[in-house]
Amino acid sequence: MEYARGNVFEGAAGPKGVHIIPEMPVTLVGKIFKPKLRWDGTRRAYEEAPVPWLHATHI
């Protein structure tokens, strides 16, 4: 986060958090597979949600 604050000059473009992953998901041709990263971000947001009724264990 400290590195990003010092190198991303547009405040709104800066990261809200940093998550270390074992490896970047890639397609068969070697491009970064962005949907997988989005799915992971959605899962993290869902699991970290402060509202208990959002969790599947309460449904």
PDB file of N, CA and C in Angstrom:
ATOM      1  N   MET A   1       0.825  -1.176   0.000  1.00  0.00           N
ATOM      2  CA  MET A   1       0.000   0.000   0.000  1.00  0.00           C
ATOM      3  C   MET A   1       0.876   1.248   0.000  1.00  0.00           C
ATOM      4  N   GLU A   2       1.951   1.202   0.745  1.00  0.00           N
ATOM      5  CA  GLU A   2       2.847   2.360   0.795  1.00  0.00           C
ATOM      6  C   GLU A   2       3.449   2.638  -0.582  1.00  0.00           C
ATOM      7  N   TYR A   3       3.824   1.582  -1.286  1.00  0.00           N
ATOM      8  CA  TYR A   3       4.366   1.738  -2.635  1.00  0.00           C
ATOM      9  C   TYR A   3       3.326   2.372  -3.555  1.00  0.00           C
ATOM     10  N   ALA A   4       2.101   1.905  -3.482  1.00  0.00           N
ATOM     11  CA  ALA A   4       1.036   2.430  -4.338  1.00  0.00           C
ATOM     12  C   ALA A   4       0.772   3.897  -4.033  1.00  0.00           C
ATOM     13  N   ARG A   5       0.742   4.260  -2.752  1.00  0.00           N
ATOM     14  CA  ARG A   5       0.505   5.668  -2.394  1.00  0.00           C
ATOM     15  C   ARG A   5       1.585   6.580  -2.964  1.00  0.00           C
ATOM     16  N   GLY A   6       2.802   6.078  -3.039  1.00  0.00           N
ATOM     17  CA  GLY A   6       3.902   6.884  -3.558  1.00  0.00           C
ATOM     18  C   GLY A   6       4.002   6.889  -5.074  1.00  0.00           C
ATOM     19  N   ASN A   7       3.325   5.957  -5.755  1.00  0.00           N
ATOM     20  CA  ASN A   7       3.484   5.835  -7.205  1.00  0.00           C
ATOM     21  C   ASN A   7       2.205   6.019  -8.015  1.00  0.00           C
ATOM     22  N   VAL A   8       1.066   6.039  -7.372  1.00  0.00           N
ATOM     23  CA  VAL A   8      -0.201   6.287  -8.065  1.00  0.00           C
ATOM     24  C   VAL A   8      -0.613   7.710  -7.712  1.00  0.00           C
ATOM     25  N   PHE A   9      -0.559   8.586  -8.704  1.00  0.00           N
ATOM     26  CA  PHE A   9      -0.742  10.004  -8.427  1.00  0.00           C
ATOM     27  C   PHE A   9      -2.196  10.452  -8.452  1.00  0.00           C
ATOM     28  N   GLU A  10      -3.083   9.674  -9.017  1.00  0.00           N
ATOM     29  CA  GLU A  10      -4.505   9.981  -9.017  1.00  0.00           C
ATOM     30  C   GLU A  10      -5.120   9.261  -7.821  1.00  0.00           C
ATOM     31  N   GLY A  11      -5.571  10.011  -6.837  1.00  0.00           N
ATOM     32  CA  GLY A  11      -6.069   9.422  -5.595  1.00  0.00           C
ATOM     33  C   GLY A  11      -7.147   8.374  -5.780  1.00  0.00           C
ATOM     34  N   ALA A  12      -8.096   8.634  -6.661  1.00  0.00           N
ATOM     35  CA  ALA A  12      -9.196   7.683  -6.873  1.00  0.00           C
ATOM     36  C   ALA A  12      -8.723   6.391  -7.525  1.00  0.00           C
ATOM     37  N   ALA A  13      -7.583   6.417  -8.201  1.00  0.00           N
ATOM     38  CA  ALA A  13      -7.074   5.224  -8.881  1.00  0.00           C
ATOM     39  C   ALA A  13      -6.280   4.318  -7.943  1.00  0.00           C
ATOM     40  N   GLY A  14      -5.973   4.786  -6.759  1.00  0.00           N
ATOM     41  CA  GLY A  14      -5.190   4.003  -5.816  1.00  0.00           C
ATOM     42  C   GLY A  14      -5.959   2.808  -5.289  1.00  0.00           C
ATOM     43  N   PRO A  15      -5.257   1.759  -4.898  1.00  0.00           N
ATOM     44  CA  PRO A  15      -5.923   0.555  -4.393  1.00  0.00           C
ATOM     45  C   PRO A  15      -6.530   0.790  -3.014  1.00  0.00           C
ATOM     46  N   LYS A  16      -7.621   0.120  -2.743  1.00  0.00           N
ATOM     47  CA  LYS A  16      -8.263   0.170  -1.427  1.00  0.00           C
ATOM     48  C   LYS A  16      -7.650  -0.892  -0.502  1.00  0.00           C
ATOM     49  N   GLY A  17      -7.038  -1.886  -1.099  1.00  0.00           N
ATOM     50  CA  GLY A  17      -6.402  -2.950  -0.348  1.00  0.00           C
ATOM     51  C   GLY A  17      -5.516  -3.763  -1.273  1.00  0.00           C
ATOM     52  N   VAL A  18      -4.680  -4.600  -0.673  1.00  0.00           N
ATOM     53  CA  VAL A  18      -3.772  -5.448  -1.447  1.00  0.00           C
ATOM     54  C   VAL A  18      -3.963  -6.885  -0.984  1.00  0.00           C
ATOM     55  N   HIS A  19      -4.159  -7.793  -1.930  1.00  0.00           N
ATOM     56  CA  HIS A  19      -4.302  -9.212  -1.632  1.00  0.00           C
ATOM     57  C   HIS A  19      -3.240  -9.963  -2.426  1.00  0.00           C
ATOM     58  N   ILE A  20      -2.416 -10.711  -1.736  1.00  0.00           N
ATOM     59  CA  ILE A  20      -1.364 -11.494  -2.376  1.00  0.00           C
ATOM     60  C   ILE A  20      -1.972 -12.834  -2.802  1.00  0.00           C
ATOM     61  N   ILE A  21      -1.785 -13.186  -4.078  1.00  0.00           N
ATOM     62  CA  ILE A  21      -2.273 -14.466  -4.593  1.00  0.00           C
ATOM     63  C   ILE A  21      -1.079 -15.285  -5.068  1.00  0.00           C
ATOM     64  N   PRO A  22      -1.193 -16.603  -5.068  1.00  0.00           N
ATOM     65  CA  PRO A  22      -0.052 -17.457  -5.451  1.00  0.00           C
ATOM     66  C   PRO A  22       0.427 -17.218  -6.878  1.00  0.00           C
ATOM     67  N   GLU A  23      -0.514 -17.022  -7.807  1.00  0.00           N
ATOM     68  CA  GLU A  23      -0.136 -16.749  -9.190  1.00  0.00           C
ATOM     69  C   GLU A  23      -1.307 -16.092  -9.910  1.00  0.00           C
ATOM     70  N   MET A  24      -1.000 -15.349 -10.953  1.00  0.00           N
ATOM     71  CA  MET A  24      -2.034 -14.682 -11.724  1.00  0.00           C
ATOM     72  C   MET A  24      -2.750 -15.704 -12.595  1.00  0.00           C
ATOM     73  N   PRO A  25      -4.081 -15.670 -12.634  1.00  0.00           N
ATOM     74  CA  PRO A  25      -4.804 -16.568 -13.538  1.00  0.00           C
ATOM     75  C   PRO A  25      -4.614 -16.095 -14.979  1.00  0.00           C
ATOM     76  N   VAL A  26      -4.319 -17.022 -15.869  1.00  0.00           N
ATOM     77  CA  VAL A  26      -4.089 -16.664 -17.267  1.00  0.00           C
ATOM     78  C   VAL A  26      -4.933 -17.542 -18.182  1.00  0.00           C
ATOM     79  N   THR A  27      -5.163 -17.019 -19.387  1.00  0.00           N
ATOM     80  CA  THR A  27      -5.895 -17.779 -20.403  1.00  0.00           C
ATOM     81  C   THR A  27      -4.931 -18.759 -21.064  1.00  0.00           C
ATOM     82  N   LEU A  28      -5.445 -19.537 -21.996  1.00  0.00           N
ATOM     83  CA  LEU A  28      -4.595 -20.503 -22.702  1.00  0.00           C
ATOM     84  C   LEU A  28      -3.503 -19.834 -23.522  1.00  0.00           C
ATOM     85  N   VAL A  29      -3.710 -18.575 -23.917  1.00  0.00           N
ATOM     86  CA  VAL A  29      -2.692 -17.877 -24.703  1.00  0.00           C
ATOM     87  C   VAL A  29      -1.784 -17.010 -23.828  1.00  0.00           C
ATOM     88  N   GLY A  30      -1.969 -17.072 -22.517  1.00  0.00           N
ATOM     89  CA  GLY A  30      -1.069 -16.391 -21.602  1.00  0.00           C
ATOM     90  C   GLY A  30      -1.480 -15.000 -21.155  1.00  0.00           C
ATOM     91  N   LYS A  31      -2.677 -14.550 -21.525  1.00  0.00           N
ATOM     92  CA  LYS A  31      -3.147 -13.237 -21.073  1.00  0.00           C
ATOM     93  C   LYS A  31      -3.755 -13.370 -19.680  1.00  0.00           C
ATOM     94  N   ILE A  32      -3.708 -12.286 -18.911  1.00  0.00           N
ATOM     95  CA  ILE A  32      -4.310 -12.300 -17.582  1.00  0.00           C
ATOM     96  C   ILE A  32      -5.818 -12.475 -17.726  1.00  0.00           C
ATOM     97  N   PHE A  33      -6.373 -13.430 -16.976  1.00  0.00           N
ATOM     98  CA  PHE A  33      -7.805 -13.734 -17.031  1.00  0.00           C
ATOM     99  C   PHE A  33      -8.523 -12.888 -15.983  1.00  0.00           C
ATOM    100  N   LYS A  34      -8.960 -11.713 -16.385  1.00  0.00           N
ATOM    101  CA  LYS A  34      -9.550 -10.738 -15.469  1.00  0.00           C
ATOM    102  C   LYS A  34     -10.847 -11.200 -14.810  1.00  0.00           C
ATOM    103  N   PRO A  35     -11.721 -11.964 -15.494  1.00  0.00           N
ATOM    104  CA  PRO A  35     -12.933 -12.422 -14.798  1.00  0.00           C
ATOM    105  C   PRO A  35     -12.619 -13.209 -13.518  1.00  0.00           C
ATOM    106  N   LYS A  36     -11.594 -14.014 -13.534  1.00  0.00           N
ATOM    107  CA  LYS A  36     -11.208 -14.780 -12.340  1.00  0.00           C
ATOM    108  C   LYS A  36     -10.818 -13.838 -11.209  1.00  0.00           C
ATOM    109  N   LEU A  37     -10.106 -12.756 -11.529  1.00  0.00           N
ATOM    110  CA  LEU A  37      -9.730 -11.785 -10.507  1.00  0.00           C
ATOM    111  C   LEU A  37     -10.970 -11.075  -9.957  1.00  0.00           C
ATOM    112  N   ARG A  38     -11.914 -10.767 -10.838  1.00  0.00           N
ATOM    113  CA  ARG A  38     -13.160 -10.120 -10.392  1.00  0.00           C
ATOM    114  C   ARG A  38     -13.971 -11.054  -9.496  1.00  0.00           C
ATOM    115  N   TRP A  39     -14.045 -12.329  -9.878  1.00  0.00           N
ATOM    116  CA  TRP A  39     -14.775 -13.313  -9.067  1.00  0.00           C
ATOM    117  C   TRP A  39     -14.150 -13.401  -7.674  1.00  0.00           C
ATOM    118  N   ASP A  40     -12.826 -13.423  -7.626  1.00  0.00           N
ATOM    119  CA  ASP A  40     -12.131 -13.501  -6.353  1.00  0.00           C
ATOM    120  C   ASP A  40     -12.421 -12.259  -5.512  1.00  0.00           C
ATOM    121  N   GLY A  41     -12.428 -11.091  -6.130  1.00  0.00           N
ATOM    122  CA  GLY A  41     -12.740  -9.856  -5.414  1.00  0.00           C
ATOM    123  C   GLY A  41     -14.160  -9.845  -4.881  1.00  0.00           C
ATOM    124  N   THR A  42     -15.090 -10.344  -5.672  1.00  0.00           N
ATOM    125  CA  THR A  42     -16.488 -10.423  -5.238  1.00  0.00           C
ATOM    126  C   THR A  42     -16.623 -11.385  -4.072  1.00  0.00           C
ATOM    127  N   ARG A  43     -15.952 -12.519  -4.150  1.00  0.00           N
ATOM    128  CA  ARG A  43     -15.994 -13.506  -3.062  1.00  0.00           C
ATOM    129  C   ARG A  43     -15.440 -12.906  -1.779  1.00  0.00           C
ATOM    130  N   ARG A  44     -14.308 -12.207  -1.877  1.00  0.00           N
ATOM    131  CA  ARG A  44     -13.709 -11.587  -0.692  1.00  0.00           C
ATOM    132  C   ARG A  44     -14.651 -10.557  -0.080  1.00  0.00           C
ATOM    133  N   ALA A  45     -15.274  -9.731  -0.911  1.00  0.00           N
ATOM    134  CA  ALA A  45     -16.201  -8.709  -0.414  1.00  0.00           C
ATOM    135  C   ALA A  45     -17.387  -9.367   0.277  1.00  0.00           C
ATOM    136  N   TYR A  46     -17.889 -10.427  -0.295  1.00  0.00           N
ATOM    137  CA  TYR A  46     -19.024 -11.160   0.284  1.00  0.00           C
ATOM    138  C   TYR A  46     -18.652 -11.754   1.641  1.00  0.00           C
ATOM    139  N   GLU A  47     -17.472 -12.371   1.714  1.00  0.00           N
ATOM    140  CA  GLU A  47     -17.046 -13.016   2.957  1.00  0.00           C
ATOM    141  C   GLU A  47     -16.708 -12.004   4.045  1.00  0.00           C
ATOM    142  N   GLU A  48     -16.264 -10.812   3.655  1.00  0.00           N
ATOM    143  CA  GLU A  48     -15.879  -9.795   4.628  1.00  0.00           C
ATOM    144  C   GLU A  48     -17.018  -8.823   4.945  1.00  0.00           C
ATOM    145  N   ALA A  49     -18.194  -9.062   4.385  1.00  0.00           N
ATOM    146  CA  ALA A  49     -19.325  -8.156   4.590  1.00  0.00           C
ATOM    147  C   ALA A  49     -19.691  -8.091   6.075  1.00  0.00           C
ATOM    148  N   PRO A  50     -19.871  -6.882   6.609  1.00  0.00           N
ATOM    149  CA  PRO A  50     -20.190  -6.749   8.025  1.00  0.00           C
ATOM    150  C   PRO A  50     -21.651  -7.076   8.359  1.00  0.00           C
ATOM    151  N   VAL A  51     -22.479  -7.235   7.348  1.00  0.00           N
ATOM    152  CA  VAL A  51     -23.894  -7.493   7.575  1.00  0.00           C
ATOM    153  C   VAL A  51     -24.120  -9.004   7.630  1.00  0.00           C
ATOM    154  N   PRO A  52     -24.508  -9.545   8.791  1.00  0.00           N
ATOM    155  CA  PRO A  52     -24.629 -10.994   8.925  1.00  0.00           C
ATOM    156  C   PRO A  52     -25.638 -11.638   7.986  1.00  0.00           C
ATOM    157  N   TRP A  53     -26.691 -10.927   7.600  1.00  0.00           N
ATOM    158  CA  TRP A  53     -27.700 -11.541   6.741  1.00  0.00           C
ATOM    159  C   TRP A  53     -27.208 -11.740   5.318  1.00  0.00           C
ATOM    160  N   LEU A  54     -26.026 -11.193   4.961  1.00  0.00           N
ATOM    161  CA  LEU A  54     -25.485 -11.420   3.622  1.00  0.00           C
ATOM    162  C   LEU A  54     -24.789 -12.767   3.506  1.00  0.00           C
ATOM    163  N   HIS A  55     -24.469 -13.380   4.614  1.00  0.00           N
ATOM    164  CA  HIS A  55     -23.733 -14.638   4.596  1.00  0.00           C
ATOM    165  C   HIS A  55     -24.681 -15.820   4.394  1.00  0.00           C
ATOM    166  N   ALA A  56     -24.290 -16.739   3.559  1.00  0.00           N
ATOM    167  CA  ALA A  56     -25.127 -17.883   3.204  1.00  0.00           C
ATOM    168  C   ALA A  56     -25.428 -18.768   4.423  1.00  0.00           C
ATOM    169  N   THR A  57     -24.573 -18.744   5.449  1.00  0.00           N
ATOM    170  CA  THR A  57     -24.797 -19.599   6.611  1.00  0.00           C
ATOM    171  C   THR A  57     -26.027 -19.170   7.407  1.00  0.00           C
ATOM    172  N   HIS A  58     -26.517 -17.954   7.174  1.00  0.00           N
ATOM    173  CA  HIS A  58     -27.680 -17.459   7.878  1.00  0.00           C
ATOM    174  C   HIS A  58     -28.960 -17.547   7.058  1.00  0.00           C
ATOM    175  N   ILE A  59     -28.872 -18.090   5.868  1.00  0.00           N
ATOM    176  CA  ILE A  59     -30.047 -18.155   4.985  1.00  0.00           C
ATOM    177  C   ILE A  59     -30.773 -19.468   5.209  1.00  0.00           C
TER     178      ILE A  59
END
